[in-house]
Amino acid sequence: MFESIDVTLPRQHKERINIEQHCLAREVVNILACEGAERVERHELLGKWRLRFAMAGFTAYPLSSLVNATIKTLLDNYSNRYRIEEREGALYLGWMDRDLVASCAWK
C-alpha cells in the first residue's frame, strides 16, 4: 500500500498528506503499538469474513458490473499500476501483482 502511494503522489502533495494523516496514521499506530482491547484494527483474510457472514445467516449478494466498470475506468485514468479484478464474488483492488483490499456484498 505504501509503495502505491509513494509512486503515485509526491511527498509534499496535499492529497498524499491527507491520506497519510487521516486514513493511514491511526491504523498504522494501532497495529504497531496497541495490544488487547486497545487494538481495534485487525486485518483478516476475506475467507474468514465469508465464513463469519455465512454463519450469521447472510448470503452473498452479486456486485454491480456497472460500478465495477466505473471503478476500473477511474483507476486506469489515475495509474496503470492499480488493478481491479472480480473473482469469487468479490472485487479486489490491487497494486501491480498484490491484492490490497477486497470488497463484497451480503444480504
PDB file of N, CA and C in Angstrom:
ATOM      1  N   MET A   1       0.821  -1.182   0.000  1.00  0.00           N
ATOM      2  CA  MET A   1       0.000   0.000   0.000  1.00  0.00           C
ATOM      3  C   MET A   1       0.869   1.251   0.000  1.00  0.00           C
ATOM      4  N   PHE A   2       1.914   1.250   0.834  1.00  0.00           N
ATOM      5  CA  PHE A   2       2.764   2.429   0.915  1.00  0.00           C
ATOM      6  C   PHE A   2       3.508   2.674  -0.393  1.00  0.00           C
ATOM      7  N   GLU A   3       3.923   1.612  -1.062  1.00  0.00           N
ATOM      8  CA  GLU A   3       4.597   1.768  -2.353  1.00  0.00           C
ATOM      9  C   GLU A   3       3.665   2.434  -3.358  1.00  0.00           C
ATOM     10  N   SER A   4       2.396   2.046  -3.362  1.00  0.00           N
ATOM     11  CA  SER A   4       1.450   2.622  -4.316  1.00  0.00           C
ATOM     12  C   SER A   4       1.268   4.121  -4.081  1.00  0.00           C
ATOM     13  N   ILE A   5       1.249   4.531  -2.835  1.00  0.00           N
ATOM     14  CA  ILE A   5       1.129   5.957  -2.522  1.00  0.00           C
ATOM     15  C   ILE A   5       2.411   6.682  -2.902  1.00  0.00           C
ATOM     16  N   ASP A   6       3.540   6.087  -2.582  1.00  0.00           N
ATOM     17  CA  ASP A   6       4.835   6.710  -2.847  1.00  0.00           C
ATOM     18  C   ASP A   6       5.056   6.943  -4.337  1.00  0.00           C
ATOM     19  N   VAL A   7       4.636   6.015  -5.159  1.00  0.00           N
ATOM     20  CA  VAL A   7       4.860   6.114  -6.600  1.00  0.00           C
ATOM     21  C   VAL A   7       3.876   7.080  -7.262  1.00  0.00           C
ATOM     22  N   THR A   8       2.645   7.141  -6.763  1.00  0.00           N
ATOM     23  CA  THR A   8       1.622   7.925  -7.458  1.00  0.00           C
ATOM     24  C   THR A   8       1.483   9.364  -6.978  1.00  0.00           C
ATOM     25  N   LEU A   9       1.941   9.668  -5.751  1.00  0.00           N
ATOM     26  CA  LEU A   9       1.802  11.032  -5.240  1.00  0.00           C
ATOM     27  C   LEU A   9       3.122  11.521  -4.649  1.00  0.00           C
ATOM     28  N   PRO A  10       3.575  12.719  -5.038  1.00  0.00           N
ATOM     29  CA  PRO A  10       4.800  13.276  -4.445  1.00  0.00           C
ATOM     30  C   PRO A  10       4.630  13.485  -2.940  1.00  0.00           C
ATOM     31  N   ARG A  11       5.738  13.462  -2.206  1.00  0.00           N
ATOM     32  CA  ARG A  11       5.696  13.546  -0.732  1.00  0.00           C
ATOM     33  C   ARG A  11       4.999  14.795  -0.199  1.00  0.00           C
ATOM     34  N   GLN A  12       5.124  15.917  -0.870  1.00  0.00           N
ATOM     35  CA  GLN A  12       4.524  17.159  -0.375  1.00  0.00           C
ATOM     36  C   GLN A  12       3.139  17.450  -0.966  1.00  0.00           C
ATOM     37  N   HIS A  13       2.594  16.530  -1.737  1.00  0.00           N
ATOM     38  CA  HIS A  13       1.279  16.703  -2.351  1.00  0.00           C
ATOM     39  C   HIS A  13       0.209  16.699  -1.253  1.00  0.00           C
ATOM     40  N   LYS A  14      -0.716  17.657  -1.293  1.00  0.00           N
ATOM     41  CA  LYS A  14      -1.743  17.778  -0.252  1.00  0.00           C
ATOM     42  C   LYS A  14      -2.587  16.515  -0.126  1.00  0.00           C
ATOM     43  N   GLU A  15      -2.930  15.908  -1.245  1.00  0.00           N
ATOM     44  CA  GLU A  15      -3.750  14.688  -1.213  1.00  0.00           C
ATOM     45  C   GLU A  15      -3.009  13.562  -0.486  1.00  0.00           C
ATOM     46  N   ARG A  16      -1.711  13.437  -0.743  1.00  0.00           N
ATOM     47  CA  ARG A  16      -0.925  12.399  -0.068  1.00  0.00           C
ATOM     48  C   ARG A  16      -0.870  12.649   1.436  1.00  0.00           C
ATOM     49  N   ILE A  17      -0.602  13.885   1.819  1.00  0.00           N
ATOM     50  CA  ILE A  17      -0.537  14.233   3.242  1.00  0.00           C
ATOM     51  C   ILE A  17      -1.871  13.933   3.910  1.00  0.00           C
ATOM     52  N   ASN A  18      -2.959  14.264   3.250  1.00  0.00           N
ATOM     53  CA  ASN A  18      -4.293  13.992   3.780  1.00  0.00           C
ATOM     54  C   ASN A  18      -4.517  12.493   3.958  1.00  0.00           C
ATOM     55  N   ILE A  19      -4.147  11.701   2.959  1.00  0.00           N
ATOM     56  CA  ILE A  19      -4.292  10.251   3.045  1.00  0.00           C
ATOM     57  C   ILE A  19      -3.478   9.696   4.202  1.00  0.00           C
ATOM     58  N   GLU A  20      -2.234  10.134   4.301  1.00  0.00           N
ATOM     59  CA  GLU A  20      -1.360   9.626   5.360  1.00  0.00           C
ATOM     60  C   GLU A  20      -1.864  10.011   6.744  1.00  0.00           C
ATOM     61  N   GLN A  21      -2.309  11.242   6.915  1.00  0.00           N
ATOM     62  CA  GLN A  21      -2.742  11.709   8.233  1.00  0.00           C
ATOM     63  C   GLN A  21      -4.103  11.172   8.640  1.00  0.00           C
ATOM     64  N   HIS A  22      -5.049  11.156   7.709  1.00  0.00           N
ATOM     65  CA  HIS A  22      -6.426  10.852   8.077  1.00  0.00           C
ATOM     66  C   HIS A  22      -6.847   9.413   7.801  1.00  0.00           C
ATOM     67  N   CYS A  23      -6.162   8.733   6.926  1.00  0.00           N
ATOM     68  CA  CYS A  23      -6.567   7.369   6.588  1.00  0.00           C
ATOM     69  C   CYS A  23      -5.615   6.310   7.141  1.00  0.00           C
ATOM     70  N   LEU A  24      -4.334   6.597   7.130  1.00  0.00           N
ATOM     71  CA  LEU A  24      -3.362   5.560   7.469  1.00  0.00           C
ATOM     72  C   LEU A  24      -2.733   5.682   8.853  1.00  0.00           C
ATOM     73  N   ALA A  25      -2.559   6.887   9.359  1.00  0.00           N
ATOM     74  CA  ALA A  25      -1.806   7.081  10.603  1.00  0.00           C
ATOM     75  C   ALA A  25      -2.410   6.311  11.772  1.00  0.00           C
ATOM     76  N   ARG A  26      -3.698   6.444  11.996  1.00  0.00           N
ATOM     77  CA  ARG A  26      -4.351   5.760  13.119  1.00  0.00           C
ATOM     78  C   ARG A  26      -4.223   4.252  12.982  1.00  0.00           C
ATOM     79  N   GLU A  27      -4.432   3.776  11.771  1.00  0.00           N
ATOM     80  CA  GLU A  27      -4.360   2.334  11.529  1.00  0.00           C
ATOM     81  C   GLU A  27      -2.963   1.793  11.791  1.00  0.00           C
ATOM     82  N   VAL A  28      -1.945   2.462  11.294  1.00  0.00           N
ATOM     83  CA  VAL A  28      -0.564   2.008  11.482  1.00  0.00           C
ATOM     84  C   VAL A  28      -0.189   2.021  12.966  1.00  0.00           C
ATOM     85  N   VAL A  29      -0.495   3.106  13.650  1.00  0.00           N
ATOM     86  CA  VAL A  29      -0.180   3.190  15.083  1.00  0.00           C
ATOM     87  C   VAL A  29      -0.914   2.094  15.845  1.00  0.00           C
ATOM     88  N   ASN A  30      -2.175   1.884  15.514  1.00  0.00           N
ATOM     89  CA  ASN A  30      -2.957   0.871  16.213  1.00  0.00           C
ATOM     90  C   ASN A  30      -2.384  -0.526  16.016  1.00  0.00           C
ATOM     91  N   ILE A  31      -1.986  -0.839  14.798  1.00  0.00           N
ATOM     92  CA  ILE A  31      -1.443  -2.171  14.503  1.00  0.00           C
ATOM     93  C   ILE A  31      -0.090  -2.371  15.172  1.00  0.00           C
ATOM     94  N   LEU A  32       0.758  -1.345  15.154  1.00  0.00           N
ATOM     95  CA  LEU A  32       2.118  -1.494  15.673  1.00  0.00           C
ATOM     96  C   LEU A  32       2.240  -1.311  17.176  1.00  0.00           C
ATOM     97  N   ALA A  33       1.437  -0.448  17.771  1.00  0.00           N
ATOM     98  CA  ALA A  33       1.668  -0.065  19.163  1.00  0.00           C
ATOM     99  C   ALA A  33       0.622  -0.560  20.155  1.00  0.00           C
ATOM    100  N   CYS A  34      -0.494  -1.087  19.688  1.00  0.00           N
ATOM    101  CA  CYS A  34      -1.576  -1.441  20.617  1.00  0.00           C
ATOM    102  C   CYS A  34      -1.768  -2.950  20.715  1.00  0.00           C
ATOM    103  N   GLU A  35      -2.159  -3.375  21.884  1.00  0.00           N
ATOM    104  CA  GLU A  35      -2.445  -4.792  22.135  1.00  0.00           C
ATOM    105  C   GLU A  35      -3.764  -4.913  22.877  1.00  0.00           C
ATOM    106  N   GLY A  36      -4.310  -6.104  22.891  1.00  0.00           N
ATOM    107  CA  GLY A  36      -5.533  -6.373  23.650  1.00  0.00           C
ATOM    108  C   GLY A  36      -6.696  -5.513  23.200  1.00  0.00           C
ATOM    109  N   ALA A  37      -7.438  -4.993  24.187  1.00  0.00           N
ATOM    110  CA  ALA A  37      -8.640  -4.209  23.902  1.00  0.00           C
ATOM    111  C   ALA A  37      -8.330  -2.893  23.195  1.00  0.00           C
ATOM    112  N   GLU A  38      -7.097  -2.385  23.351  1.00  0.00           N
ATOM    113  CA  GLU A  38      -6.726  -1.125  22.701  1.00  0.00           C
ATOM    114  C   GLU A  38      -6.569  -1.275  21.191  1.00  0.00           C
ATOM    115  N   ARG A  39      -6.311  -2.490  20.755  1.00  0.00           N
ATOM    116  CA  ARG A  39      -6.122  -2.703  19.313  1.00  0.00           C
ATOM    117  C   ARG A  39      -7.476  -2.921  18.654  1.00  0.00           C
ATOM    118  N   VAL A  40      -7.845  -2.005  17.768  1.00  0.00           N
ATOM    119  CA  VAL A  40      -9.135  -2.107  17.082  1.00  0.00           C
ATOM    120  C   VAL A  40      -8.983  -2.460  15.611  1.00  0.00           C
ATOM    121  N   GLU A  41      -7.796  -2.305  15.049  1.00  0.00           N
ATOM    122  CA  GLU A  41      -7.550  -2.647  13.645  1.00  0.00           C
ATOM    123  C   GLU A  41      -7.068  -4.086  13.566  1.00  0.00           C
ATOM    124  N   ARG A  42      -7.830  -4.920  12.885  1.00  0.00           N
ATOM    125  CA  ARG A  42      -7.449  -6.322  12.726  1.00  0.00           C
ATOM    126  C   ARG A  42      -7.707  -6.729  11.275  1.00  0.00           C
ATOM    127  N   HIS A  43      -6.660  -6.862  10.536  1.00  0.00           N
ATOM    128  CA  HIS A  43      -6.794  -7.248   9.135  1.00  0.00           C
ATOM    129  C   HIS A  43      -6.886  -8.767   9.058  1.00  0.00           C
ATOM    130  N   GLU A  44      -7.883  -9.243   8.350  1.00  0.00           N
ATOM    131  CA  GLU A  44      -8.057 -10.674   8.199  1.00  0.00           C
ATOM    132  C   GLU A  44      -8.344 -10.997   6.741  1.00  0.00           C
ATOM    133  N   LEU A  45      -8.126 -12.220   6.381  1.00  0.00           N
ATOM    134  CA  LEU A  45      -8.380 -12.668   5.021  1.00  0.00           C
ATOM    135  C   LEU A  45      -9.874 -12.701   4.738  1.00  0.00           C
ATOM    136  N   LEU A  46     -10.220 -12.489   3.484  1.00  0.00           N
ATOM    137  CA  LEU A  46     -11.617 -12.474   3.073  1.00  0.00           C
ATOM    138  C   LEU A  46     -12.312 -13.786   3.415  1.00  0.00           C
ATOM    139  N   GLY A  47     -11.601 -14.894   3.313  1.00  0.00           N
ATOM    140  CA  GLY A  47     -12.197 -16.196   3.624  1.00  0.00           C
ATOM    141  C   GLY A  47     -12.765 -16.271   5.029  1.00  0.00           C
ATOM    142  N   LYS A  48     -12.075 -15.675   5.995  1.00  0.00           N
ATOM    143  CA  LYS A  48     -12.571 -15.667   7.374  1.00  0.00           C
ATOM    144  C   LYS A  48     -13.849 -14.834   7.495  1.00  0.00           C
ATOM    145  N   TRP A  49     -13.889 -13.696   6.796  1.00  0.00           N
ATOM    146  CA  TRP A  49     -15.097 -12.870   6.831  1.00  0.00           C
ATOM    147  C   TRP A  49     -16.260 -13.576   6.160  1.00  0.00           C
ATOM    148  N   ARG A  50     -15.996 -14.252   5.053  1.00  0.00           N
ATOM    149  CA  ARG A  50     -17.058 -15.002   4.371  1.00  0.00           C
ATOM    150  C   ARG A  50     -17.678 -16.027   5.311  1.00  0.00           C
ATOM    151  N   LEU A  51     -16.833 -16.753   6.012  1.00  0.00           N
ATOM    152  CA  LEU A  51     -17.299 -17.775   6.955  1.00  0.00           C
ATOM    153  C   LEU A  51     -18.146 -17.141   8.061  1.00  0.00           C
ATOM    154  N   ARG A  52     -17.690 -16.025   8.607  1.00  0.00           N
ATOM    155  CA  ARG A  52     -18.447 -15.340   9.665  1.00  0.00           C
ATOM    156  C   ARG A  52     -19.820 -14.891   9.175  1.00  0.00           C
ATOM    157  N   PHE A  53     -19.842 -14.274   7.989  1.00  0.00           N
ATOM    158  CA  PHE A  53     -21.121 -13.818   7.449  1.00  0.00           C
ATOM    159  C   PHE A  53     -22.062 -14.990   7.190  1.00  0.00           C
ATOM    160  N   ALA A  54     -21.548 -16.055   6.617  1.00  0.00           N
ATOM    161  CA  ALA A  54     -22.379 -17.227   6.333  1.00  0.00           C
ATOM    162  C   ALA A  54     -22.915 -17.832   7.633  1.00  0.00           C
ATOM    163  N   MET A  55     -22.082 -17.936   8.657  1.00  0.00           N
ATOM    164  CA  MET A  55     -22.519 -18.492   9.936  1.00  0.00           C
ATOM    165  C   MET A  55     -23.570 -17.594  10.603  1.00  0.00           C
ATOM    166  N   ALA A  56     -23.548 -16.306  10.295  1.00  0.00           N
ATOM    167  CA  ALA A  56     -24.528 -15.371  10.857  1.00  0.00           C
ATOM    168  C   ALA A  56     -25.817 -15.336  10.033  1.00  0.00           C
ATOM    169  N   GLY A  57     -25.896 -16.129   8.962  1.00  0.00           N
ATOM    170  CA  GLY A  57     -27.120 -16.222   8.178  1.00  0.00           C
ATOM    171  C   GLY A  57     -27.194 -15.317   6.967  1.00  0.00           C
ATOM    172  N   PHE A  58     -26.108 -14.624   6.651  1.00  0.00           N
ATOM    173  CA  PHE A  58     -26.092 -13.773   5.467  1.00  0.00           C
ATOM    174  C   PHE A  58     -25.779 -14.601   4.230  1.00  0.00           C
ATOM    175  N   THR A  59     -26.213 -14.107   3.077  1.00  0.00           N
ATOM    176  CA  THR A  59     -25.861 -14.735   1.806  1.00  0.00           C
ATOM    177  C   THR A  59     -25.164 -13.699   0.929  1.00  0.00           C
ATOM    178  N   ALA A  60     -24.251 -14.179   0.102  1.00  0.00           N
ATOM    179  CA  ALA A  60     -23.516 -13.275  -0.788  1.00  0.00           C
ATOM    180  C   ALA A  60     -24.485 -12.632  -1.766  1.00  0.00           C
ATOM    181  N   TYR A  61     -24.243 -11.371  -2.086  1.00  0.00           N
ATOM    182  CA  TYR A  61     -25.077 -10.602  -3.000  1.00  0.00           C
ATOM    183  C   TYR A  61     -24.215 -10.189  -4.184  1.00  0.00           C
ATOM    184  N   PRO A  62     -24.721 -10.339  -5.420  1.00  0.00           N
ATOM    185  CA  PRO A  62     -23.897 -10.015  -6.595  1.00  0.00           C
ATOM    186  C   PRO A  62     -23.476  -8.548  -6.630  1.00  0.00           C
ATOM    187  N   LEU A  63     -22.274  -8.328  -7.113  1.00  0.00           N
ATOM    188  CA  LEU A  63     -21.757  -6.981  -7.275  1.00  0.00           C
ATOM    189  C   LEU A  63     -22.271  -6.381  -8.581  1.00  0.00           C
ATOM    190  N   SER A  64     -22.306  -5.076  -8.651  1.00  0.00           N
ATOM    191  CA  SER A  64     -22.781  -4.375  -9.843  1.00  0.00           C
ATOM    192  C   SER A  64     -21.675  -4.286 -10.887  1.00  0.00           C
ATOM    193  N   SER A  65     -21.916  -4.818 -12.068  1.00  0.00           N
ATOM    194  CA  SER A  65     -20.914  -4.745 -13.136  1.00  0.00           C
ATOM    195  C   SER A  65     -20.699  -3.295 -13.580  1.00  0.00           C
ATOM    196  N   LEU A  66     -21.738  -2.457 -13.487  1.00  0.00           N
ATOM    197  CA  LEU A  66     -21.608  -1.042 -13.841  1.00  0.00           C
ATOM    198  C   LEU A  66     -20.672  -0.334 -12.859  1.00  0.00           C
ATOM    199  N   VAL A  67     -20.840  -0.595 -11.581  1.00  0.00           N
ATOM    200  CA  VAL A  67     -19.974   0.017 -10.577  1.00  0.00           C
ATOM    201  C   VAL A  67     -18.536  -0.469 -10.768  1.00  0.00           C
ATOM    202  N   ASN A  68     -18.369  -1.756 -10.990  1.00  0.00           N
ATOM    203  CA  ASN A  68     -17.026  -2.317 -11.199  1.00  0.00           C
ATOM    204  C   ASN A  68     -16.343  -1.672 -12.405  1.00  0.00           C
ATOM    205  N   ALA A  69     -17.077  -1.511 -13.497  1.00  0.00           N
ATOM    206  CA  ALA A  69     -16.508  -0.901 -14.705  1.00  0.00           C
ATOM    207  C   ALA A  69     -16.146   0.565 -14.458  1.00  0.00           C
ATOM    208  N   THR A  70     -16.971   1.284 -13.706  1.00  0.00           N
ATOM    209  CA  THR A  70     -16.689   2.686 -13.389  1.00  0.00           C
ATOM    210  C   THR A  70     -15.422   2.801 -12.554  1.00  0.00           C
ATOM    211  N   ILE A  71     -15.289   1.942 -11.555  1.00  0.00           N
ATOM    212  CA  ILE A  71     -14.084   1.950 -10.714  1.00  0.00           C
ATOM    213  C   ILE A  71     -12.856   1.647 -11.556  1.00  0.00           C
ATOM    214  N   LYS A  72     -12.958   0.675 -12.443  1.00  0.00           N
ATOM    215  CA  LYS A  72     -11.829   0.317 -13.307  1.00  0.00           C
ATOM    216  C   LYS A  72     -11.420   1.505 -14.178  1.00  0.00           C
ATOM    217  N   THR A  73     -12.389   2.204 -14.743  1.00  0.00           N
ATOM    218  CA  THR A  73     -12.091   3.369 -15.575  1.00  0.00           C
ATOM    219  C   THR A  73     -11.389   4.459 -14.765  1.00  0.00           C
ATOM    220  N   LEU A  74     -11.873   4.723 -13.565  1.00  0.00           N
ATOM    221  CA  LEU A  74     -11.239   5.727 -12.711  1.00  0.00           C
ATOM    222  C   LEU A  74      -9.795   5.343 -12.382  1.00  0.00           C
ATOM    223  N   LEU A  75      -9.571   4.085 -12.058  1.00  0.00           N
ATOM    224  CA  LEU A  75      -8.220   3.633 -11.729  1.00  0.00           C
ATOM    225  C   LEU A  75      -7.291   3.711 -12.933  1.00  0.00           C
ATOM    226  N   ASP A  76      -7.791   3.329 -14.102  1.00  0.00           N
ATOM    227  CA  ASP A  76      -6.971   3.397 -15.318  1.00  0.00           C
ATOM    228  C   ASP A  76      -6.521   4.828 -15.600  1.00  0.00           C
ATOM    229  N   ASN A  77      -7.380   5.797 -15.301  1.00  0.00           N
ATOM    230  CA  ASN A  77      -7.029   7.207 -15.501  1.00  0.00           C
ATOM    231  C   ASN A  77      -6.072   7.715 -14.430  1.00  0.00           C
ATOM    232  N   TYR A  78      -6.039   7.064 -13.295  1.00  0.00           N
ATOM    233  CA  TYR A  78      -5.206   7.501 -12.172  1.00  0.00           C
ATOM    234  C   TYR A  78      -3.795   6.932 -12.271  1.00  0.00           C
ATOM    235  N   SER A  79      -3.701   5.615 -12.417  1.00  0.00           N
ATOM    236  CA  SER A  79      -2.395   4.959 -12.538  1.00  0.00           C
ATOM    237  C   SER A  79      -2.600   3.577 -13.129  1.00  0.00           C
ATOM    238  N   ASN A  80      -1.759   3.208 -14.079  1.00  0.00           N
ATOM    239  CA  ASN A  80      -1.901   1.899 -14.710  1.00  0.00           C
ATOM    240  C   ASN A  80      -1.339   0.765 -13.844  1.00  0.00           C
ATOM    241  N   ARG A  81      -0.798   1.095 -12.692  1.00  0.00           N
ATOM    242  CA  ARG A  81      -0.265   0.057 -11.802  1.00  0.00           C
ATOM    243  C   ARG A  81      -1.326  -0.505 -10.861  1.00  0.00           C
ATOM    244  N   TYR A  82      -2.402   0.259 -10.654  1.00  0.00           N
ATOM    245  CA  TYR A  82      -3.516  -0.287  -9.877  1.00  0.00           C
ATOM    246  C   TYR A  82      -4.302  -1.227 -10.770  1.00  0.00           C
ATOM    247  N   ARG A  83      -4.969  -2.188 -10.149  1.00  0.00           N
ATOM    248  CA  ARG A  83      -5.815  -3.089 -10.926  1.00  0.00           C
ATOM    249  C   ARG A  83      -7.061  -3.427 -10.129  1.00  0.00           C
ATOM    250  N   ILE A  84      -8.098  -3.711 -10.841  1.00  0.00           N
ATOM    251  CA  ILE A  84      -9.361  -4.160 -10.257  1.00  0.00           C
ATOM    252  C   ILE A  84      -9.653  -5.519 -10.872  1.00  0.00           C
ATOM    253  N   GLU A  85     -10.022  -6.450 -10.026  1.00  0.00           N
ATOM    254  CA  GLU A  85     -10.330  -7.790 -10.515  1.00  0.00           C
ATOM    255  C   GLU A  85     -11.499  -8.346  -9.713  1.00  0.00           C
ATOM    256  N   GLU A  86     -12.482  -8.869 -10.422  1.00  0.00           N
ATOM    257  CA  GLU A  86     -13.599  -9.519  -9.742  1.00  0.00           C
ATOM    258  C   GLU A  86     -13.383 -11.022  -9.819  1.00  0.00           C
ATOM    259  N   ARG A  87     -13.385 -11.662  -8.655  1.00  0.00           N
ATOM    260  CA  ARG A  87     -13.275 -13.116  -8.615  1.00  0.00           C
ATOM    261  C   ARG A  87     -13.979 -13.646  -7.372  1.00  0.00           C
ATOM    262  N   GLU A  88     -14.612 -14.765  -7.543  1.00  0.00           N
ATOM    263  CA  GLU A  88     -15.341 -15.440  -6.461  1.00  0.00           C
ATOM    264  C   GLU A  88     -16.331 -14.506  -5.770  1.00  0.00           C
ATOM    265  N   GLY A  89     -16.969 -13.632  -6.540  1.00  0.00           N
ATOM    266  CA  GLY A  89     -17.985 -12.746  -5.993  1.00  0.00           C
ATOM    267  C   GLY A  89     -17.464 -11.554  -5.221  1.00  0.00           C
ATOM    268  N   ALA A  90     -16.168 -11.309  -5.270  1.00  0.00           N
ATOM    269  CA  ALA A  90     -15.587 -10.161  -4.570  1.00  0.00           C
ATOM    270  C   ALA A  90     -14.816  -9.297  -5.563  1.00  0.00           C
ATOM    271  N   LEU A  91     -14.702  -8.033  -5.229  1.00  0.00           N
ATOM    272  CA  LEU A  91     -13.952  -7.090  -6.044  1.00  0.00           C
ATOM    273  C   LEU A  91     -12.639  -6.792  -5.329  1.00  0.00           C
ATOM    274  N   TYR A  92     -11.534  -7.073  -5.986  1.00  0.00           N
ATOM    275  CA  TYR A  92     -10.206  -6.887  -5.404  1.00  0.00           C
ATOM    276  C   TYR A  92      -9.540  -5.668  -6.009  1.00  0.00           C
ATOM    277  N   LEU A  93      -9.023  -4.795  -5.159  1.00  0.00           N
ATOM    278  CA  LEU A  93      -8.202  -3.670  -5.589  1.00  0.00           C
ATOM    279  C   LEU A  93      -6.765  -4.093  -5.345  1.00  0.00           C
ATOM    280  N   GLY A  94      -5.947  -4.011  -6.381  1.00  0.00           N
ATOM    281  CA  GLY A  94      -4.561  -4.429  -6.253  1.00  0.00           C
ATOM    282  C   GLY A  94      -3.594  -3.382  -6.732  1.00  0.00           C
ATOM    283  N   TRP A  95      -2.384  -3.518  -6.273  1.00  0.00           N
ATOM    284  CA  TRP A  95      -1.261  -2.705  -6.728  1.00  0.00           C
ATOM    285  C   TRP A  95      -0.305  -3.660  -7.400  1.00  0.00           C
ATOM    286  N   MET A  96      -0.135  -3.505  -8.709  1.00  0.00           N
ATOM    287  CA  MET A  96       0.670  -4.394  -9.539  1.00  0.00           C
ATOM    288  C   MET A  96       0.189  -5.834  -9.329  1.00  0.00           C
ATOM    289  N   ASP A  97       0.980  -6.721  -8.739  1.00  0.00           N
ATOM    290  CA  ASP A  97       0.553  -8.118  -8.603  1.00  0.00           C
ATOM    291  C   ASP A  97       0.083  -8.472  -7.196  1.00  0.00           C
ATOM    292  N   ARG A  98      -0.174  -7.472  -6.352  1.00  0.00           N
ATOM    293  CA  ARG A  98      -0.546  -7.730  -4.954  1.00  0.00           C
ATOM    294  C   ARG A  98      -1.932  -7.170  -4.648  1.00  0.00           C
ATOM    295  N   ASP A  99      -2.785  -8.000  -4.046  1.00  0.00           N
ATOM    296  CA  ASP A  99      -4.095  -7.536  -3.608  1.00  0.00           C
ATOM    297  C   ASP A  99      -3.933  -6.643  -2.393  1.00  0.00           C
ATOM    298  N   LEU A 100      -4.619  -5.489  -2.395  1.00  0.00           N
ATOM    299  CA  LEU A 100      -4.569  -4.579  -1.256  1.00  0.00           C
ATOM    300  C   LEU A 100      -5.814  -4.717  -0.389  1.00  0.00           C
ATOM    301  N   VAL A 101      -6.971  -4.782  -1.034  1.00  0.00           N
ATOM    302  CA  VAL A 101      -8.230  -4.840  -0.297  1.00  0.00           C
ATOM    303  C   VAL A 101      -9.273  -5.530  -1.160  1.00  0.00           C
ATOM    304  N   ALA A 102     -10.214  -6.184  -0.493  1.00  0.00           N
ATOM    305  CA  ALA A 102     -11.310  -6.845  -1.204  1.00  0.00           C
ATOM    306  C   ALA A 102     -12.635  -6.308  -0.677  1.00  0.00           C
ATOM    307  N   SER A 103     -13.624  -6.282  -1.552  1.00  0.00           N
ATOM    308  CA  SER A 103     -14.946  -5.809  -1.182  1.00  0.00           C
ATOM    309  C   SER A 103     -15.976  -6.783  -1.710  1.00  0.00           C
ATOM    310  N   CYS A 104     -16.978  -7.071  -0.895  1.00  0.00           N
ATOM    311  CA  CYS A 104     -18.071  -7.923  -1.339  1.00  0.00           C
ATOM    312  C   CYS A 104     -19.352  -7.471  -0.668  1.00  0.00           C
ATOM    313  N   ALA A 105     -20.480  -7.943  -1.164  1.00  0.00           N
ATOM    314  CA  ALA A 105     -21.770  -7.523  -0.645  1.00  0.00           C
ATOM    315  C   ALA A 105     -22.524  -8.737  -0.094  1.00  0.00           C
ATOM    316  N   TRP A 106     -23.294  -8.492   0.968  1.00  0.00           N
ATOM    317  CA  TRP A 106     -24.054  -9.558   1.626  1.00  0.00           C
ATOM    318  C   TRP A 106     -25.444  -9.041   1.968  1.00  0.00           C
ATOM    319  N   LYS A 107     -26.410  -9.942   2.019  1.00  0.00           N
ATOM    320  CA  LYS A 107     -27.757  -9.555   2.484  1.00  0.00           C
ATOM    321  C   LYS A 107     -28.293 -10.606   3.409  1.00  0.00           C
TER     322      LYS A 107
END
